Amino acid sequence: MENTYENKLPITAWAEDDRPREKMMLKGRQSLSDAELIAILIGSGTAKLSAVDLSKHILNSLQNNISKLAKLSTKELMKYKGIGEAKAVTILAALELGRRRKEEEQVNKIQRISCSKDAYTIINPYLADIQHEEFWVILLGRSNKVLAVSNVSKGGMTSTIADPKIIFKQAIEHSATNMILIHNHPSGNLTPSQQDITLTNKFIKAGELLEIQVLDHLIIGDQQYYSFADEGKL
């Protein structure tokens, strides 16, 4: 592949207000592009690429999609020339902090759940960037007030185990009256499997005995979701 960056000037030769750190100090963090923010994290580029150009190269290879960047592993990031272990870890740590902030904001923002979209808005930050299946539950009190958002299990690429005993124990401990089940499909395919359907029915029957209603079961995948309740499957 032809290198188009050979004549690029190093960041130190740029005008002061064009350098990422100086630009942030002068104009604020909102003025920086995604590549400039990443450049601040990695600090330096290579002999032929400035930190900004290296950041642009990485983003360009990912269709300028920050979500795709967040899903990379440390080893995958280190495949880019100029990104060693320390830089890869720094980038992923910063993205994880951003994810956790968003997660916290969404949980605080919605105190009561009135529809599947409310549940999705709360849970999506937890599941957006992971490449394995996880099972979560949102426990609700009277008037569907959110009592807890809990990770029940972690699995592999195609499955995870949800133990009703563990989930209903948590529900009883929180004095929950309702719950919403959630798991993700890393493949992005939202179609529920027969196992998903069987598991949902199992939870519904157990909930009836304990007087804890299963309001919905969401399947999360690639910024979309499937709702058993919305589809009339409960």
C-alpha atoms as a PDB file:
ATOM      1  CA  MET A   1       0.000   0.000   0.000  1.00  0.00           C
ATOM      2  CA  GLU A   2       1.436   3.375  -0.979  1.00  0.00           C
ATOM      3  CA  ASN A   3       2.418   5.518   1.988  1.00  0.00           C
ATOM      4  CA  THR A   4       0.853   8.963   1.601  1.00  0.00           C
ATOM      5  CA  TYR A   5       2.219  10.373   4.838  1.00  0.00           C
ATOM      6  CA  GLU A   6       5.950  10.627   4.144  1.00  0.00           C
ATOM      7  CA  ASN A   7       5.937  14.388   3.833  1.00  0.00           C
ATOM      8  CA  LYS A   8       3.748  15.049   6.852  1.00  0.00           C
ATOM      9  CA  LEU A   9       5.150  17.502   9.377  1.00  0.00           C
ATOM     10  CA  PRO A  10       5.599  16.341  12.973  1.00  0.00           C
ATOM     11  CA  ILE A  11       3.125  17.841  15.438  1.00  0.00           C
ATOM     12  CA  THR A  12       5.880  19.971  16.978  1.00  0.00           C
ATOM     13  CA  ALA A  13       6.189  21.821  13.660  1.00  0.00           C
ATOM     14  CA  TRP A  14       2.497  22.696  13.499  1.00  0.00           C
ATOM     15  CA  ALA A  15       1.061  26.053  14.432  1.00  0.00           C
ATOM     16  CA  GLU A  16       0.476  26.051  18.184  1.00  0.00           C
ATOM     17  CA  ASP A  17      -3.330  26.236  17.991  1.00  0.00           C
ATOM     18  CA  ASP A  18      -3.369  23.216  15.631  1.00  0.00           C
ATOM     19  CA  ARG A  19      -1.540  20.904  18.049  1.00  0.00           C
ATOM     20  CA  PRO A  20      -4.065  18.707  19.893  1.00  0.00           C
ATOM     21  CA  ARG A  21      -2.969  19.538  23.450  1.00  0.00           C
ATOM     22  CA  GLU A  22      -2.587  23.242  22.791  1.00  0.00           C
ATOM     23  CA  LYS A  23      -5.827  23.306  20.784  1.00  0.00           C
ATOM     24  CA  MET A  24      -7.666  21.714  23.694  1.00  0.00           C
ATOM     25  CA  MET A  25      -6.253  24.286  26.119  1.00  0.00           C
ATOM     26  CA  LEU A  26      -7.111  27.196  23.829  1.00  0.00           C
ATOM     27  CA  LYS A  27     -10.453  26.111  22.368  1.00  0.00           C
ATOM     28  CA  GLY A  28     -11.787  23.422  24.685  1.00  0.00           C
ATOM     29  CA  ARG A  29     -12.114  19.665  24.330  1.00  0.00           C
ATOM     30  CA  GLN A  30     -15.230  19.929  22.143  1.00  0.00           C
ATOM     31  CA  SER A  31     -13.144  21.539  19.398  1.00  0.00           C
ATOM     32  CA  LEU A  32     -11.017  18.413  18.882  1.00  0.00           C
ATOM     33  CA  SER A  33     -11.789  15.727  16.331  1.00  0.00           C
ATOM     34  CA  ASP A  34     -11.878  12.049  17.320  1.00  0.00           C
ATOM     35  CA  ALA A  35      -8.417  11.599  15.804  1.00  0.00           C
ATOM     36  CA  GLU A  36      -7.013  14.533  17.777  1.00  0.00           C
ATOM     37  CA  LEU A  37      -8.423  13.175  21.040  1.00  0.00           C
ATOM     38  CA  ILE A  38      -6.864   9.777  20.370  1.00  0.00           C
ATOM     39  CA  ALA A  39      -3.591  11.492  19.438  1.00  0.00           C
ATOM     40  CA  ILE A  40      -3.468  13.057  22.900  1.00  0.00           C
ATOM     41  CA  LEU A  41      -3.863   9.592  24.410  1.00  0.00           C
ATOM     42  CA  ILE A  42      -1.090   7.952  22.390  1.00  0.00           C
ATOM     43  CA  GLY A  43       1.264  10.935  22.668  1.00  0.00           C
ATOM     44  CA  SER A  44       3.492  10.127  19.693  1.00  0.00           C
ATOM     45  CA  GLY A  45       3.325   8.562  16.253  1.00  0.00           C
ATOM     46  CA  THR A  46       5.968   6.884  14.128  1.00  0.00           C
ATOM     47  CA  ALA A  47       8.903   8.131  12.073  1.00  0.00           C
ATOM     48  CA  LYS A  48       6.569   8.764   9.140  1.00  0.00           C
ATOM     49  CA  LEU A  49       3.261   9.480  10.874  1.00  0.00           C
ATOM     50  CA  SER A  50       2.391  12.099  13.449  1.00  0.00           C
ATOM     51  CA  ALA A  51       0.200  10.982  16.353  1.00  0.00           C
ATOM     52  CA  VAL A  52      -2.788  12.618  14.642  1.00  0.00           C
ATOM     53  CA  ASP A  53      -2.096  10.916  11.307  1.00  0.00           C
ATOM     54  CA  LEU A  54      -1.670   7.551  13.033  1.00  0.00           C
ATOM     55  CA  SER A  55      -4.980   8.105  14.808  1.00  0.00           C
ATOM     56  CA  LYS A  56      -6.657   9.018  11.509  1.00  0.00           C
ATOM     57  CA  HIS A  57      -5.233   5.866   9.935  1.00  0.00           C
ATOM     58  CA  ILE A  58      -6.656   3.677  12.727  1.00  0.00           C
ATOM     59  CA  LEU A  59     -10.067   5.337  12.590  1.00  0.00           C
ATOM     60  CA  ASN A  60     -10.189   5.198   8.801  1.00  0.00           C
ATOM     61  CA  SER A  61      -9.581   1.438   8.888  1.00  0.00           C
ATOM     62  CA  LEU A  62     -12.627   1.175  11.182  1.00  0.00           C
ATOM     63  CA  GLN A  63     -14.880   3.361   9.004  1.00  0.00           C
ATOM     64  CA  ASN A  64     -14.364   6.189  11.547  1.00  0.00           C
ATOM     65  CA  ASN A  65     -16.542   4.266  13.977  1.00  0.00           C
ATOM     66  CA  ILE A  66     -15.605   4.779  17.638  1.00  0.00           C
ATOM     67  CA  SER A  67     -17.808   1.853  18.659  1.00  0.00           C
ATOM     68  CA  LYS A  68     -15.731  -0.473  16.472  1.00  0.00           C
ATOM     69  CA  LEU A  69     -12.559   0.891  18.058  1.00  0.00           C
ATOM     70  CA  ALA A  70     -13.958   0.195  21.529  1.00  0.00           C
ATOM     71  CA  LYS A  71     -14.596  -3.439  20.577  1.00  0.00           C
ATOM     72  CA  LEU A  72     -10.948  -4.111  19.661  1.00  0.00           C
ATOM     73  CA  SER A  73      -8.753  -6.056  22.029  1.00  0.00           C
ATOM     74  CA  THR A  74      -5.335  -4.854  23.147  1.00  0.00           C
ATOM     75  CA  LYS A  75      -3.660  -7.314  20.778  1.00  0.00           C
ATOM     76  CA  GLU A  76      -5.789  -6.153  17.842  1.00  0.00           C
ATOM     77  CA  LEU A  77      -4.843  -2.523  18.473  1.00  0.00           C
ATOM     78  CA  MET A  78      -1.173  -3.463  18.689  1.00  0.00           C
ATOM     79  CA  LYS A  79      -1.306  -4.695  15.088  1.00  0.00           C
ATOM     80  CA  TYR A  80      -1.166  -1.038  14.001  1.00  0.00           C
ATOM     81  CA  LYS A  81       2.417   0.061  13.540  1.00  0.00           C
ATOM     82  CA  GLY A  82       3.217   2.642  16.220  1.00  0.00           C
ATOM     83  CA  ILE A  83       0.758   1.252  18.782  1.00  0.00           C
ATOM     84  CA  GLY A  84       2.503  -0.672  21.527  1.00  0.00           C
ATOM     85  CA  GLU A  85       0.970  -2.264  24.596  1.00  0.00           C
ATOM     86  CA  ALA A  86       1.023   0.928  26.695  1.00  0.00           C
ATOM     87  CA  LYS A  87      -0.720   2.991  23.980  1.00  0.00           C
ATOM     88  CA  ALA A  88      -3.287   0.273  23.295  1.00  0.00           C
ATOM     89  CA  VAL A  89      -4.123  -0.024  26.985  1.00  0.00           C
ATOM     90  CA  THR A  90      -4.410   3.768  27.305  1.00  0.00           C
ATOM     91  CA  ILE A  91      -6.854   4.022  24.377  1.00  0.00           C
ATOM     92  CA  LEU A  92      -9.059   1.198  25.636  1.00  0.00           C
ATOM     93  CA  ALA A  93      -8.994   2.503  29.205  1.00  0.00           C
ATOM     94  CA  ALA A  94     -10.182   5.927  28.024  1.00  0.00           C
ATOM     95  CA  LEU A  95     -12.976   4.370  25.962  1.00  0.00           C
ATOM     96  CA  GLU A  96     -14.027   2.221  28.920  1.00  0.00           C
ATOM     97  CA  LEU A  97     -14.255   5.309  31.128  1.00  0.00           C
ATOM     98  CA  GLY A  98     -16.483   6.923  28.521  1.00  0.00           C
ATOM     99  CA  ARG A  99     -18.683   3.822  28.410  1.00  0.00           C
ATOM    100  CA  ARG A 100     -19.013   3.765  32.194  1.00  0.00           C
ATOM    101  CA  ARG A 101     -19.931   7.435  32.292  1.00  0.00           C
ATOM    102  CA  LYS A 102     -22.660   6.858  29.718  1.00  0.00           C
ATOM    103  CA  GLU A 103     -23.835   3.801  31.641  1.00  0.00           C
ATOM    104  CA  GLU A 104     -24.075   5.826  34.863  1.00  0.00           C
ATOM    105  CA  GLU A 105     -25.902   8.682  33.152  1.00  0.00           C
ATOM    106  CA  GLN A 106     -28.514   6.366  31.623  1.00  0.00           C
ATOM    107  CA  VAL A 107     -29.239   4.579  34.900  1.00  0.00           C
ATOM    108  CA  ASN A 108     -29.620   7.889  36.740  1.00  0.00           C
ATOM    109  CA  LYS A 109     -31.700   9.401  33.956  1.00  0.00           C
ATOM    110  CA  ILE A 110     -34.458   6.774  33.927  1.00  0.00           C
ATOM    111  CA  GLN A 111     -35.880   6.041  37.362  1.00  0.00           C
ATOM    112  CA  ARG A 112     -38.990   4.216  36.173  1.00  0.00           C
ATOM    113  CA  ILE A 113     -39.498   1.950  33.167  1.00  0.00           C
ATOM    114  CA  SER A 114     -42.641   2.423  31.098  1.00  0.00           C
ATOM    115  CA  CYS A 115     -41.694   0.663  27.853  1.00  0.00           C
ATOM    116  CA  SER A 116     -39.091  -1.544  26.190  1.00  0.00           C
ATOM    117  CA  LYS A 117     -37.177   1.499  24.947  1.00  0.00           C
ATOM    118  CA  ASP A 118     -36.622   2.667  28.541  1.00  0.00           C
ATOM    119  CA  ALA A 119     -35.165  -0.739  29.424  1.00  0.00           C
ATOM    120  CA  TYR A 120     -32.973  -0.713  26.294  1.00  0.00           C
ATOM    121  CA  THR A 121     -31.694   2.796  27.057  1.00  0.00           C
ATOM    122  CA  ILE A 122     -30.610   1.669  30.519  1.00  0.00           C
ATOM    123  CA  ILE A 123     -28.986  -1.607  29.507  1.00  0.00           C
ATOM    124  CA  ASN A 124     -27.363  -0.797  26.156  1.00  0.00           C
ATOM    125  CA  PRO A 125     -24.256   0.948  27.589  1.00  0.00           C
ATOM    126  CA  TYR A 126     -23.452  -2.237  29.521  1.00  0.00           C
ATOM    127  CA  LEU A 127     -23.595  -4.458  26.441  1.00  0.00           C
ATOM    128  CA  ALA A 128     -22.708  -2.199  23.510  1.00  0.00           C
ATOM    129  CA  ASP A 129     -19.027  -3.082  23.087  1.00  0.00           C
ATOM    130  CA  ILE A 130     -18.680  -6.673  24.294  1.00  0.00           C
ATOM    131  CA  GLN A 131     -17.994  -9.627  22.000  1.00  0.00           C
ATOM    132  CA  HIS A 132     -19.360 -12.390  24.222  1.00  0.00           C
ATOM    133  CA  GLU A 133     -22.836 -13.150  25.558  1.00  0.00           C
ATOM    134  CA  GLU A 134     -23.951 -11.843  28.933  1.00  0.00           C
ATOM    135  CA  PHE A 135     -27.243 -12.181  30.807  1.00  0.00           C
ATOM    136  CA  TRP A 136     -28.573  -9.214  32.794  1.00  0.00           C
ATOM    137  CA  VAL A 137     -31.701  -8.438  34.755  1.00  0.00           C
ATOM    138  CA  ILE A 138     -33.389  -5.159  35.673  1.00  0.00           C
ATOM    139  CA  LEU A 139     -35.246  -5.488  38.958  1.00  0.00           C
ATOM    140  CA  LEU A 140     -38.284  -3.264  39.457  1.00  0.00           C
ATOM    141  CA  GLY A 141     -40.414  -2.242  42.409  1.00  0.00           C
ATOM    142  CA  ARG A 142     -43.852  -0.694  42.586  1.00  0.00           C
ATOM    143  CA  SER A 143     -44.749   1.549  39.619  1.00  0.00           C
ATOM    144  CA  ASN A 144     -41.786  -0.130  37.851  1.00  0.00           C
ATOM    145  CA  LYS A 145     -39.213   1.897  39.755  1.00  0.00           C
ATOM    146  CA  VAL A 146     -35.690   0.674  38.978  1.00  0.00           C
ATOM    147  CA  LEU A 147     -34.244  -1.084  42.018  1.00  0.00           C
ATOM    148  CA  ALA A 148     -31.156  -2.707  40.504  1.00  0.00           C
ATOM    149  CA  VAL A 149     -29.393  -3.519  37.239  1.00  0.00           C
ATOM    150  CA  SER A 150     -27.489  -6.757  37.663  1.00  0.00           C
ATOM    151  CA  ASN A 151     -25.122  -8.876  35.565  1.00  0.00           C
ATOM    152  CA  VAL A 152     -26.153 -12.485  36.150  1.00  0.00           C
ATOM    153  CA  SER A 153     -23.702 -14.400  33.968  1.00  0.00           C
ATOM    154  CA  LYS A 154     -21.033 -14.156  31.285  1.00  0.00           C
ATOM    155  CA  GLY A 155     -20.584 -16.690  28.525  1.00  0.00           C
ATOM    156  CA  GLY A 156     -18.902 -17.279  25.196  1.00  0.00           C
ATOM    157  CA  MET A 157     -19.528 -15.993  21.695  1.00  0.00           C
ATOM    158  CA  THR A 158     -22.839 -17.821  21.277  1.00  0.00           C
ATOM    159  CA  SER A 159     -24.323 -18.620  24.682  1.00  0.00           C
ATOM    160  CA  THR A 160     -24.478 -17.876  28.382  1.00  0.00           C
ATOM    161  CA  ILE A 161     -26.191 -19.543  31.315  1.00  0.00           C
ATOM    162  CA  ALA A 162     -28.968 -17.885  33.312  1.00  0.00           C
ATOM    163  CA  ASP A 163     -29.801 -19.644  36.581  1.00  0.00           C
ATOM    164  CA  PRO A 164     -33.354 -18.770  37.729  1.00  0.00           C
ATOM    165  CA  LYS A 165     -32.446 -19.563  41.347  1.00  0.00           C
ATOM    166  CA  ILE A 166     -29.771 -16.852  41.385  1.00  0.00           C
ATOM    167  CA  ILE A 167     -31.951 -14.276  39.637  1.00  0.00           C
ATOM    168  CA  PHE A 168     -35.046 -14.794  41.787  1.00  0.00           C
ATOM    169  CA  LYS A 169     -32.873 -14.772  44.914  1.00  0.00           C
ATOM    170  CA  GLN A 170     -31.665 -11.302  43.905  1.00  0.00           C
ATOM    171  CA  ALA A 171     -35.231 -10.240  43.150  1.00  0.00           C
ATOM    172  CA  ILE A 172     -36.410 -11.327  46.610  1.00  0.00           C
ATOM    173  CA  GLU A 173     -33.460  -9.612  48.308  1.00  0.00           C
ATOM    174  CA  HIS A 174     -34.396  -6.335  46.565  1.00  0.00           C
ATOM    175  CA  SER A 175     -38.126  -6.821  47.270  1.00  0.00           C
ATOM    176  CA  ALA A 176     -38.745  -6.639  43.524  1.00  0.00           C
ATOM    177  CA  THR A 177     -42.251  -7.083  42.165  1.00  0.00           C
ATOM    178  CA  ASN A 178     -41.302  -7.134  38.473  1.00  0.00           C
ATOM    179  CA  MET A 179     -38.234  -7.889  36.370  1.00  0.00           C
ATOM    180  CA  ILE A 180     -36.922  -7.541  32.845  1.00  0.00           C
ATOM    181  CA  LEU A 181     -34.573 -10.161  31.420  1.00  0.00           C
ATOM    182  CA  ILE A 182     -31.835  -9.111  28.996  1.00  0.00           C
ATOM    183  CA  HIS A 183     -29.104 -10.851  27.075  1.00  0.00           C
ATOM    184  CA  ASN A 184     -27.075  -9.910  24.023  1.00  0.00           C
ATOM    185  CA  HIS A 185     -26.315 -11.549  20.688  1.00  0.00           C
ATOM    186  CA  PRO A 186     -22.793 -10.415  19.662  1.00  0.00           C
ATOM    187  CA  SER A 187     -23.549 -11.555  16.100  1.00  0.00           C
ATOM    188  CA  GLY A 188     -26.186  -8.812  15.821  1.00  0.00           C
ATOM    189  CA  ASN A 189     -28.889 -11.347  14.926  1.00  0.00           C
ATOM    190  CA  LEU A 190     -31.919 -10.429  17.038  1.00  0.00           C
ATOM    191  CA  THR A 191     -33.996 -13.519  16.283  1.00  0.00           C
ATOM    192  CA  PRO A 192     -34.664 -15.400  19.535  1.00  0.00           C
ATOM    193  CA  SER A 193     -33.465 -18.993  19.564  1.00  0.00           C
ATOM    194  CA  GLN A 194     -35.610 -21.857  20.810  1.00  0.00           C
ATOM    195  CA  GLN A 195     -33.431 -21.840  23.913  1.00  0.00           C
ATOM    196  CA  ASP A 196     -34.263 -18.131  24.446  1.00  0.00           C
ATOM    197  CA  ILE A 197     -37.978 -18.868  24.152  1.00  0.00           C
ATOM    198  CA  THR A 198     -37.828 -21.874  26.486  1.00  0.00           C
ATOM    199  CA  LEU A 199     -35.833 -19.930  29.064  1.00  0.00           C
ATOM    200  CA  THR A 200     -38.286 -17.007  28.955  1.00  0.00           C
ATOM    201  CA  ASN A 201     -41.238 -19.308  29.576  1.00  0.00           C
ATOM    202  CA  LYS A 202     -39.355 -20.968  32.425  1.00  0.00           C
ATOM    203  CA  PHE A 203     -38.846 -17.594  34.111  1.00  0.00           C
ATOM    204  CA  ILE A 204     -42.471 -16.595  33.591  1.00  0.00           C
ATOM    205  CA  LYS A 205     -43.723 -19.770  35.314  1.00  0.00           C
ATOM    206  CA  ALA A 206     -41.261 -19.401  38.200  1.00  0.00           C
ATOM    207  CA  GLY A 207     -42.243 -15.752  38.588  1.00  0.00           C
ATOM    208  CA  GLU A 208     -45.915 -16.656  38.841  1.00  0.00           C
ATOM    209  CA  LEU A 209     -45.209 -18.871  41.863  1.00  0.00           C
ATOM    210  CA  LEU A 210     -43.213 -16.117  43.581  1.00  0.00           C
ATOM    211  CA  GLU A 211     -45.535 -13.298  42.471  1.00  0.00           C
ATOM    212  CA  ILE A 212     -42.691 -11.599  40.592  1.00  0.00           C
ATOM    213  CA  GLN A 213     -43.776 -10.772  37.049  1.00  0.00           C
ATOM    214  CA  VAL A 214     -41.450 -11.013  34.053  1.00  0.00           C
ATOM    215  CA  LEU A 215     -42.419  -7.898  32.093  1.00  0.00           C
ATOM    216  CA  ASP A 216     -40.098  -8.438  29.131  1.00  0.00           C
ATOM    217  CA  HIS A 217     -37.046 -10.185  27.746  1.00  0.00           C
ATOM    218  CA  LEU A 218     -34.792  -8.068  25.542  1.00  0.00           C
ATOM    219  CA  ILE A 219     -32.210  -9.364  23.087  1.00  0.00           C
ATOM    220  CA  ILE A 220     -29.564  -6.712  22.382  1.00  0.00           C
ATOM    221  CA  GLY A 221     -27.497  -6.641  19.198  1.00  0.00           C
ATOM    222  CA  ASP A 222     -25.635  -3.972  17.238  1.00  0.00           C
ATOM    223  CA  GLN A 223     -27.478  -0.908  18.595  1.00  0.00           C
ATOM    224  CA  GLN A 224     -30.883  -2.583  18.145  1.00  0.00           C
ATOM    225  CA  TYR A 225     -33.085  -4.783  20.278  1.00  0.00           C
ATOM    226  CA  TYR A 226     -35.836  -7.380  20.172  1.00  0.00           C
ATOM    227  CA  SER A 227     -38.570  -7.219  22.802  1.00  0.00           C
ATOM    228  CA  PHE A 228     -40.590 -10.322  23.649  1.00  0.00           C
ATOM    229  CA  ALA A 229     -43.313  -8.064  25.086  1.00  0.00           C
ATOM    230  CA  ASP A 230     -43.518  -5.822  22.017  1.00  0.00           C
ATOM    231  CA  GLU A 231     -43.739  -8.894  19.766  1.00  0.00           C
ATOM    232  CA  GLY A 232     -46.509 -10.429  21.864  1.00  0.00           C
ATOM    233  CA  LYS A 233     -44.358 -13.374  22.943  1.00  0.00           C
ATOM    234  CA  LEU A 234     -45.026 -13.121  26.684  1.00  0.00           C
END
